[in-house]
Every structure is written in structure tokens, then in C-alpha cells.
């Protein structure tokens, strides 16, 4: 079961792995939800629940999406 994200910042945040890159995914907590956007296309925002975002992060960390990052 996914653990609840305790993110409270309403400012856009990006991963420390992104360093100075401007083409990364940013995330923030807003109005009880989690929002994501690409930093280079900020007008498109994906909104989801904290629980669903937690489940996604756990799946990504477990490697469930690794097949999408490699060429066929």
C-alpha cells in the first residue's frame, strides 16, 4: 500500500538530480492535491491525489516503468 506524501510546499519543486537543467518535471502541493508539470512547458499541469502520486512514486522506485526508458 502506498504511503501518504506529506508535501506541503505550494511552490514548484524539482528533483535535485535535475541540477540546473530547465527540462525537468516539477511538482507542488496545492489545494489538497499534487500537481506536476514539465518546466519547459509550464502551461500543461497534471493534477492527482496525494495517494495516487505516492503509489506512482513507489512504482517508479521499484522499476515498474523502466521498460519505458529503453529503446525496443
Protein backbone atom coordinates (compact mmCIF):
# COMPACT_ATOMS: atom_id res chain seq x y z
CA UNK A 1 0.00 0.00 0.00
CA UNK A 2 1.22 3.50 -0.81
CA UNK A 3 2.28 5.83 1.97
CA UNK A 4 0.85 9.33 2.03
CA UNK A 5 3.00 12.15 0.64
CA UNK A 6 3.49 14.86 3.27
CA UNK A 7 4.44 17.56 0.81
CA UNK A 8 3.26 20.98 1.95
CA UNK A 9 5.00 23.49 -0.31
CA UNK A 10 2.85 25.33 -2.83
CA UNK A 11 5.99 26.43 -4.72
CA UNK A 12 7.10 24.36 -7.71
CA UNK A 13 9.93 21.98 -6.77
CA UNK A 14 12.21 19.90 -8.95
CA UNK A 15 14.45 16.98 -8.19
CA UNK A 16 17.99 17.65 -7.01
CA UNK A 17 19.03 15.27 -9.82
CA UNK A 18 17.93 17.94 -12.31
CA UNK A 19 20.63 20.38 -11.15
CA UNK A 20 20.50 23.46 -13.41
CA UNK A 21 18.57 21.74 -16.22
CA UNK A 22 15.43 23.51 -17.36
CA UNK A 23 13.78 20.44 -18.91
CA UNK A 24 12.62 18.51 -15.88
CA UNK A 25 9.43 17.59 -14.06
CA UNK A 26 8.35 19.94 -11.28
CA UNK A 27 5.88 19.13 -8.51
CA UNK A 28 3.93 21.03 -5.85
CA UNK A 29 1.13 20.54 -3.34
CA UNK A 30 -1.93 22.67 -3.99
CA UNK A 31 -5.48 22.62 -2.63
CA UNK A 32 -5.17 19.11 -1.20
CA UNK A 33 -3.73 17.63 -4.40
CA UNK A 34 -0.36 17.15 -6.08
CA UNK A 35 0.36 18.93 -9.37
CA UNK A 36 3.07 18.08 -11.89
CA UNK A 37 4.38 19.93 -14.93
CA UNK A 38 7.36 19.98 -17.26
CA UNK A 39 9.48 23.01 -16.52
CA UNK A 40 9.87 23.86 -20.20
CA UNK A 41 6.10 23.59 -20.86
CA UNK A 42 4.62 25.02 -17.68
CA UNK A 43 1.15 25.67 -19.07
CA UNK A 44 0.30 21.94 -19.01
CA UNK A 45 -0.38 20.80 -15.44
CA UNK A 46 -1.36 17.28 -14.36
CA UNK A 47 -3.28 17.11 -11.10
CA UNK A 48 -3.71 13.99 -8.95
CA UNK A 49 -4.38 12.92 -5.38
CA UNK A 50 -1.57 12.54 -2.87
CA UNK A 51 -2.32 8.84 -2.50
CA UNK A 52 -2.14 8.19 -6.26
CA UNK A 53 1.08 10.21 -6.51
CA UNK A 54 2.57 8.15 -3.66
CA UNK A 55 1.64 4.93 -5.46
CA UNK A 56 3.22 6.23 -8.68
CA UNK A 57 6.46 7.14 -6.90
CA UNK A 58 6.68 3.76 -5.22
CA UNK A 59 6.12 2.01 -8.56
CA UNK A 60 8.77 4.16 -10.25
CA UNK A 61 11.27 3.43 -7.48
CA UNK A 62 10.53 -0.30 -7.83
CA UNK A 63 11.38 -0.17 -11.54
CA UNK A 64 7.88 -0.79 -12.89
CA UNK A 65 8.36 1.80 -15.64
CA UNK A 66 11.97 1.06 -16.56
CA UNK A 67 10.89 -0.60 -19.81
CA UNK A 68 9.63 2.82 -21.00
CA UNK A 69 13.11 4.35 -20.81
CA UNK A 70 14.87 1.89 -23.09
CA UNK A 71 14.67 1.53 -26.85
CA UNK A 72 12.82 -1.57 -28.13
